[in-house]
Amino acid sequence: MLEAMGVVPAVVNPLDAGSLLAAFGTVGIAVVLFAETGLLVGFFLPGDSLLFTAGLLCTAGGHGDTRLSLPWVLCAAAAGAILGAQCGFVLGRRGGRVLLARSRNRHLLNGVARAEELLGRYGHAKAIVLARFVPVVRTVLNPLAGALDVPAGAFTLWQVTGGLVWSVGLVLAGYLLGSSIPNIDTYLLPAVAVVVVISLLPVGVELLRARRRKARSGEARSARNSRQSDDPAP
């Protein structure tokens, strides 16, 4: 019946942003982002491409029944990202380590390792914001932060900041690109691929800076050791 009414397509592909948006519209954005950022089962969902595609479908290039309203998309994206992360944090406080330890999914376990690395390397604030731009990591970092007893106030502040930058930023990127390039939906797949790469740039920059700092630290240690070895023995 839903198919006859044109509400839900015959097949919904949960890995395809266009399919999800065609099936569930704006409500689907909030649900998908909540599941991806708050529930460990949502690590495979296409958050980046969903946000960018939703922004494209808010422009005149949005076609047919999938044309979306920009204000509602922005509200749904922000709500799903923020509420999902907070839910994940609460679940982590109540037993996140046990849930993560029971998982046998290789991608999820790799995400846990990367999330722990981010927290250890950058501290709470920067890690929580950066994690938003890394698939899988943004799923596991929130319960991991709860399990590691990250202060609730600090987590909320930085997850809201990161959630808004990520969700609103990608939606507006899609909207601006769709508004400036006619028939952008013809090039949807390449455009989504480009924006996903761009969304990873903040993490790449931070990793590059960390490597440079590590290299400078190693050079400084080598120089000190060299000076000590050149000093005459007393």
Protein backbone atom coordinates (compact mmCIF):
# COMPACT_ATOMS: atom_id res chain seq x y z
CA MET A 1 0.00 0.00 0.00
CA LEU A 2 2.80 2.43 0.87
CA GLU A 3 4.40 1.81 -2.48
CA ALA A 4 1.12 2.49 -4.26
CA MET A 5 0.83 5.80 -2.40
CA GLY A 6 4.36 6.70 -3.45
CA VAL A 7 5.59 6.94 0.14
CA VAL A 8 8.14 4.13 0.20
CA PRO A 9 10.02 2.77 -2.81
CA ALA A 10 9.99 -0.96 -3.59
CA VAL A 11 13.49 -1.47 -2.19
CA VAL A 12 15.22 0.68 0.42
CA ASN A 13 19.00 0.41 0.45
CA PRO A 14 20.27 1.49 3.90
CA LEU A 15 23.74 2.09 2.45
CA ASP A 16 22.48 4.50 -0.22
CA ALA A 17 21.71 8.07 0.83
CA GLY A 18 19.40 8.72 -2.11
CA SER A 19 17.35 5.61 -1.37
CA LEU A 20 16.97 6.54 2.30
CA LEU A 21 15.92 10.10 1.49
CA ALA A 22 13.45 8.98 -1.16
CA ALA A 23 11.91 6.52 1.30
CA PHE A 24 11.81 8.52 4.53
CA GLY A 25 12.56 12.15 3.68
CA THR A 26 13.50 14.59 6.42
CA VAL A 27 12.46 12.26 9.25
CA GLY A 28 14.88 9.67 7.92
CA ILE A 29 17.78 12.11 8.32
CA ALA A 30 17.18 12.45 12.06
CA VAL A 31 16.66 8.70 12.52
CA VAL A 32 19.75 7.69 10.55
CA LEU A 33 22.04 10.19 12.28
CA PHE A 34 20.68 9.20 15.69
CA ALA A 35 21.37 5.53 14.94
CA GLU A 36 24.82 6.21 13.49
CA THR A 37 26.04 8.40 16.34
CA GLY A 38 24.15 6.88 19.27
CA LEU A 39 23.66 3.16 18.63
CA LEU A 40 26.52 0.80 17.93
CA VAL A 41 24.41 -1.00 15.33
CA GLY A 42 24.42 2.11 13.12
CA PHE A 43 28.12 2.24 12.30
CA PHE A 44 27.52 1.21 8.64
CA LEU A 45 25.03 4.02 7.88
CA PRO A 46 26.07 6.71 5.33
CA GLY A 47 26.04 9.84 7.50
CA ASP A 48 28.35 12.02 5.39
CA SER A 49 26.75 11.26 2.04
CA LEU A 50 23.25 11.47 3.55
CA LEU A 51 23.82 15.01 4.81
CA PHE A 52 25.42 16.20 1.60
CA THR A 53 22.74 14.60 -0.60
CA ALA A 54 20.00 16.10 1.57
CA GLY A 55 21.53 19.54 1.01
CA LEU A 56 21.52 18.93 -2.76
CA LEU A 57 17.85 17.91 -2.66
CA CYS A 58 16.95 21.21 -0.97
CA THR A 59 17.87 23.14 -4.13
CA ALA A 60 15.99 23.66 -7.36
CA GLY A 61 17.97 20.66 -8.63
CA GLY A 62 16.09 18.42 -6.23
CA HIS A 63 13.82 16.31 -8.40
CA GLY A 64 10.25 15.17 -7.96
CA ASP A 65 8.94 14.13 -4.57
CA THR A 66 12.45 14.08 -3.05
CA ARG A 67 12.73 17.88 -3.01
CA LEU A 68 13.40 18.77 0.64
CA SER A 69 13.07 21.91 2.78
CA LEU A 70 16.41 23.35 3.89
CA PRO A 71 15.26 24.62 7.34
CA TRP A 72 13.68 21.27 8.19
CA VAL A 73 16.70 19.34 6.94
CA LEU A 74 19.03 21.47 9.08
CA CYS A 75 16.84 20.94 12.16
CA ALA A 76 16.58 17.19 11.57
CA ALA A 77 20.31 16.82 10.94
CA ALA A 78 21.33 18.77 14.05
CA ALA A 79 18.78 17.01 16.26
CA GLY A 80 19.76 13.53 15.10
CA ALA A 81 23.49 14.18 15.45
CA ILE A 82 23.29 15.83 18.89
CA LEU A 83 20.68 13.58 20.50
CA GLY A 84 22.33 10.46 19.09
CA ALA A 85 25.74 11.34 20.53
CA GLN A 86 24.24 12.12 23.93
CA CYS A 87 22.37 8.82 23.91
CA GLY A 88 25.58 6.97 23.04
CA PHE A 89 27.37 8.68 25.93
CA VAL A 90 24.66 7.64 28.40
CA LEU A 91 24.74 4.06 27.13
CA GLY A 92 28.52 4.09 27.55
CA ARG A 93 28.22 5.19 31.16
CA ARG A 94 25.87 2.29 31.83
CA GLY A 95 28.04 -0.42 30.35
CA GLY A 96 29.72 0.73 27.16
CA ARG A 97 32.91 -1.24 27.76
CA VAL A 98 30.94 -4.48 28.09
CA LEU A 99 28.99 -3.77 24.88
CA LEU A 100 32.15 -2.93 22.95
CA ALA A 101 34.02 -5.95 24.32
CA ARG A 102 31.26 -8.30 23.19
CA SER A 103 31.37 -7.06 19.61
CA ARG A 104 33.11 -9.29 17.06
CA ASN A 105 32.78 -6.86 14.15
CA ARG A 106 36.21 -6.01 12.79
CA HIS A 107 35.23 -2.53 11.58
CA LEU A 108 33.70 -1.68 14.95
CA LEU A 109 36.76 -2.89 16.88
CA ASN A 110 39.06 -0.91 14.57
CA GLY A 111 36.89 2.12 15.26
CA VAL A 112 37.29 1.62 19.01
CA ALA A 113 41.08 1.55 18.63
CA ARG A 114 41.06 4.74 16.56
CA ALA A 115 38.69 6.44 18.99
CA GLU A 116 40.96 5.59 21.93
CA GLU A 117 43.91 6.90 19.94
CA LEU A 118 42.11 10.19 19.27
CA LEU A 119 41.20 10.62 22.95
CA GLY A 120 44.75 9.83 24.07
CA ARG A 121 46.45 12.03 21.50
CA TYR A 122 44.22 15.11 21.40
CA GLY A 123 42.32 15.15 24.69
CA HIS A 124 38.58 15.25 25.16
CA ALA A 125 37.62 18.46 23.34
CA LYS A 126 39.52 18.05 20.09
CA ALA A 127 38.92 14.28 19.87
CA ILE A 128 35.15 14.61 20.29
CA VAL A 129 34.95 17.24 17.54
CA LEU A 130 37.30 15.43 15.13
CA ALA A 131 35.53 12.11 15.59
CA ARG A 132 32.45 13.53 13.89
CA PHE A 133 34.30 13.50 10.58
CA VAL A 134 35.51 9.88 10.74
CA PRO A 135 33.05 7.08 9.85
CA VAL A 136 32.71 4.34 12.49
CA VAL A 137 34.80 6.42 14.94
CA ARG A 138 31.88 8.83 15.39
CA THR A 139 29.76 5.79 16.29
CA VAL A 140 32.03 4.32 18.95
CA LEU A 141 33.61 7.41 20.49
CA ASN A 142 30.42 8.53 22.23
CA PRO A 143 29.83 5.33 24.26
CA LEU A 144 33.60 5.05 24.75
CA ALA A 145 33.69 8.55 26.23
CA GLY A 146 30.93 7.53 28.64
CA ALA A 147 32.76 4.33 29.58
CA LEU A 148 35.98 6.29 30.22
CA ASP A 149 34.16 8.73 32.53
CA VAL A 150 34.72 11.81 30.40
CA PRO A 151 32.99 14.65 32.34
CA ALA A 152 29.39 14.95 31.13
CA GLY A 153 29.53 18.76 30.86
CA ALA A 154 32.68 18.75 28.74
CA PHE A 155 31.35 15.96 26.53
CA THR A 156 28.04 17.72 25.93
CA LEU A 157 29.71 21.03 25.07
CA TRP A 158 32.08 19.53 22.52
CA GLN A 159 29.73 16.97 21.01
CA VAL A 160 27.17 19.73 20.37
CA THR A 161 29.90 21.89 18.82
CA GLY A 162 31.19 19.06 16.65
CA GLY A 163 27.69 17.86 15.80
CA LEU A 164 26.62 21.27 14.53
CA VAL A 165 29.79 21.84 12.52
CA TRP A 166 29.52 18.40 10.92
CA SER A 167 25.79 18.19 10.23
CA VAL A 168 25.04 21.80 9.33
CA GLY A 169 28.31 22.17 7.43
CA LEU A 170 27.73 19.17 5.14
CA VAL A 171 24.09 20.06 4.48
CA LEU A 172 25.03 23.63 3.56
CA ALA A 173 27.91 22.39 1.40
CA GLY A 174 25.47 20.28 -0.60
CA TYR A 175 22.95 23.11 -0.78
CA LEU A 176 25.48 25.69 -1.97
CA LEU A 177 26.94 23.34 -4.57
CA GLY A 178 23.49 22.40 -5.83
CA SER A 179 22.49 26.06 -6.04
CA SER A 180 25.56 27.04 -8.04
CA ILE A 181 25.78 24.13 -10.52
CA PRO A 182 22.78 23.38 -12.77
CA ASN A 183 21.67 19.73 -12.92
CA ILE A 184 24.10 18.80 -10.13
CA ASP A 185 22.12 15.59 -9.52
CA THR A 186 23.63 14.27 -12.77
CA TYR A 187 27.01 14.24 -11.02
CA LEU A 188 25.72 13.14 -7.63
CA LEU A 189 28.08 10.22 -6.97
CA PRO A 190 31.32 12.12 -7.79
CA ALA A 191 30.09 15.10 -5.79
CA VAL A 192 29.36 12.92 -2.74
CA ALA A 193 32.78 11.28 -3.02
CA VAL A 194 34.47 14.68 -3.11
CA VAL A 195 32.62 16.00 -0.07
CA VAL A 196 33.40 12.86 1.95
CA VAL A 197 37.09 13.39 1.20
CA ILE A 198 36.81 17.06 2.17
CA SER A 199 35.06 16.12 5.42
CA LEU A 200 38.11 14.02 6.35
CA LEU A 201 40.54 16.91 5.83
CA PRO A 202 40.39 18.19 9.46
CA VAL A 203 41.46 14.77 10.73
CA GLY A 204 44.20 14.55 8.10
CA VAL A 205 45.55 17.97 9.07
CA GLU A 206 45.63 17.00 12.74
CA LEU A 207 47.40 13.72 11.99
CA LEU A 208 49.98 15.58 9.88
CA ARG A 209 50.58 18.08 12.67
CA ALA A 210 50.94 15.25 15.19
CA ARG A 211 53.53 13.51 12.99
CA ARG A 212 55.49 16.74 12.61
CA ARG A 213 55.45 17.31 16.37
CA LYS A 214 56.58 13.74 16.94
CA ALA A 215 59.36 14.15 14.38
CA ARG A 216 60.54 17.42 15.97
CA SER A 217 60.45 15.77 19.39
CA GLY A 218 62.53 12.87 18.08
CA GLU A 219 65.05 15.25 16.51
CA ALA A 220 65.31 17.18 19.77
CA ARG A 221 65.97 13.99 21.72
CA SER A 222 68.58 12.91 19.21
CA ALA A 223 70.30 16.29 19.47
CA ARG A 224 70.34 16.09 23.28
CA ASN A 225 71.73 12.57 23.20
CA SER A 226 74.37 13.67 20.70
CA ARG A 227 75.43 16.59 22.88
CA GLN A 228 75.59 14.36 25.95
CA SER A 229 77.76 11.81 24.13
CA ASP A 230 80.11 14.59 22.95
CA ASP A 231 80.55 16.02 26.46
CA PRO A 232 83.81 14.83 28.05
CA ALA A 233 83.43 12.54 30.99
CA PRO A 234 84.12 14.28 34.36
